[in-house]
Each structure stands twice: as structure tokens, then as C-alpha cells.
Amino acid sequence: MDLPRQQANSECGAFYGLTLSQDAPPEKLTIAFATADVTLTGWRLDRLADDLRDGDLLAVRALPARYANLDKSRCSVASITVEPVGKD
């Protein structure tokens, strides 16, 4: 998979695009909405991006980093940051 990966289309149509950066741990997933950019940091976020793109994601919550490797088959989100898109 070539990274960073950008996905502009989604089945739910609620967001404009995704950018996944796996340059160094933790990974960073940025989701662009009309009114804000949401940035998730964590591990194995490609799975979360796929679920979001396919419309299969119901909710996301952050857990302390110490829980990141408890289940290596699941993604782990360490932090969620919301940055409003300003009017210029």
C-alpha cells in the first residue's frame, strides 16, 4: 500500500477525504469534514480508515497508549483532535 493514502469518496458521503500517514509510530489519520478536520493518532489506523470509507464505522474512542498492543488484530486510537475550519 502506498502511503500517505488519500481517499476522497465514501459511501456515507459525510466527509471530504482521508489522509493516512504512517511515517513513524504513532500513525496519523486526518479526516476532512465541511466544518472541521479531525486527526486521530494511534496504531493500525488503516483498518479504521477502511471501515470509515466503507460506512462500517459506528464510533471511535481513544484509549491510553499502553493498551495499543493488547489485541494486534484491532486498531488502537491514542488521541482524537478536532480543529475547526476557519473562515478566511
Protein backbone atom coordinates (compact mmCIF):
# COMPACT_ATOMS: atom_id res chain seq x y z
CA MET A 1 0.00 0.00 0.00
CA ASP A 2 1.42 3.39 -0.99
CA LEU A 3 1.25 5.98 1.76
CA PRO A 4 0.16 8.60 2.55
CA ARG A 5 -3.15 7.32 1.25
CA GLN A 6 -5.93 9.68 0.28
CA GLN A 7 -9.50 8.53 -0.16
CA ALA A 8 -11.90 11.17 -1.37
CA ASN A 9 -15.01 9.06 -1.87
CA SER A 10 -17.10 7.35 0.75
CA GLU A 11 -20.40 5.56 0.82
CA CYS A 12 -21.67 7.72 3.67
CA GLY A 13 -20.64 10.97 1.97
CA ALA A 14 -20.26 12.76 5.31
CA PHE A 15 -16.60 13.66 4.87
CA TYR A 16 -14.47 15.07 2.08
CA GLY A 17 -11.44 12.83 2.38
CA LEU A 18 -8.95 10.86 4.44
CA THR A 19 -5.19 11.14 4.72
CA LEU A 20 -3.28 8.34 6.42
CA SER A 21 0.35 8.93 7.34
CA GLN A 22 2.40 6.00 8.59
CA ASP A 23 5.79 7.75 8.59
CA ALA A 24 6.57 6.95 12.21
CA PRO A 25 4.67 5.47 15.13
CA PRO A 26 2.12 6.50 16.09
CA GLU A 27 0.28 6.77 12.79
CA LYS A 28 -1.88 9.80 11.96
CA LEU A 29 -5.28 9.70 10.23
CA THR A 30 -6.82 13.03 9.24
CA ILE A 31 -10.49 13.18 8.26
CA ALA A 32 -11.67 16.33 6.47
CA PHE A 33 -15.25 17.40 7.19
CA ALA A 34 -17.01 20.56 5.98
CA THR A 35 -16.62 22.35 9.32
CA ALA A 36 -13.60 20.68 10.95
CA ASP A 37 -10.57 18.48 10.45
CA VAL A 38 -10.37 15.51 12.82
CA THR A 39 -6.96 13.97 13.50
CA LEU A 40 -6.60 10.55 15.07
CA THR A 41 -3.25 9.22 16.24
CA GLY A 42 -2.65 5.58 17.02
CA TRP A 43 -1.65 2.22 15.61
CA ARG A 44 -3.03 0.15 12.71
CA LEU A 45 -5.28 3.04 11.64
CA ASP A 46 -5.53 1.70 8.09
CA ARG A 47 -8.22 -0.67 9.36
CA LEU A 48 -10.19 2.23 10.81
CA ALA A 49 -9.84 4.18 7.52
CA ASP A 50 -11.18 1.19 5.58
CA ASP A 51 -14.18 0.86 7.91
CA LEU A 52 -14.89 4.59 7.65
CA ARG A 53 -14.63 4.54 3.86
CA ASP A 54 -16.98 1.53 3.65
CA GLY A 55 -19.52 3.06 6.04
CA ASP A 56 -18.96 0.36 8.67
CA LEU A 57 -17.64 2.61 11.46
CA LEU A 58 -20.09 3.42 14.24
CA ALA A 59 -17.91 5.08 16.89
CA VAL A 60 -14.30 5.82 17.84
CA ARG A 61 -12.79 6.39 21.24
CA ALA A 62 -9.25 6.97 22.45
CA LEU A 63 -7.51 4.63 24.88
CA PRO A 64 -4.16 5.07 26.65
CA ALA A 65 -1.17 4.01 24.51
CA ARG A 66 -0.36 1.17 26.91
CA TYR A 67 -3.34 -0.74 25.52
CA ALA A 68 -2.19 -0.47 21.88
CA ASN A 69 -0.76 -3.97 21.62
CA LEU A 70 -3.28 -5.95 23.65
CA ASP A 71 -5.04 -7.15 20.52
CA LYS A 72 -2.87 -6.80 17.41
CA SER A 73 -5.83 -7.59 15.16
CA ARG A 74 -7.56 -4.31 16.11
CA CYS A 75 -6.62 -0.68 15.61
CA SER A 76 -5.82 1.47 18.61
CA VAL A 77 -6.56 5.21 18.85
CA ALA A 78 -4.40 7.14 21.31
CA SER A 79 -5.80 10.64 20.73
CA ILE A 80 -8.52 12.49 18.85
CA THR A 81 -8.09 16.16 17.94
CA VAL A 82 -10.77 18.35 16.34
CA GLU A 83 -9.66 21.53 14.59
CA PRO A 84 -12.46 23.79 13.26
CA VAL A 85 -12.06 25.02 9.69
CA GLY A 86 -11.86 28.79 9.88
CA LYS A 87 -13.48 31.23 7.52
CA ASP A 88 -10.83 33.29 5.74
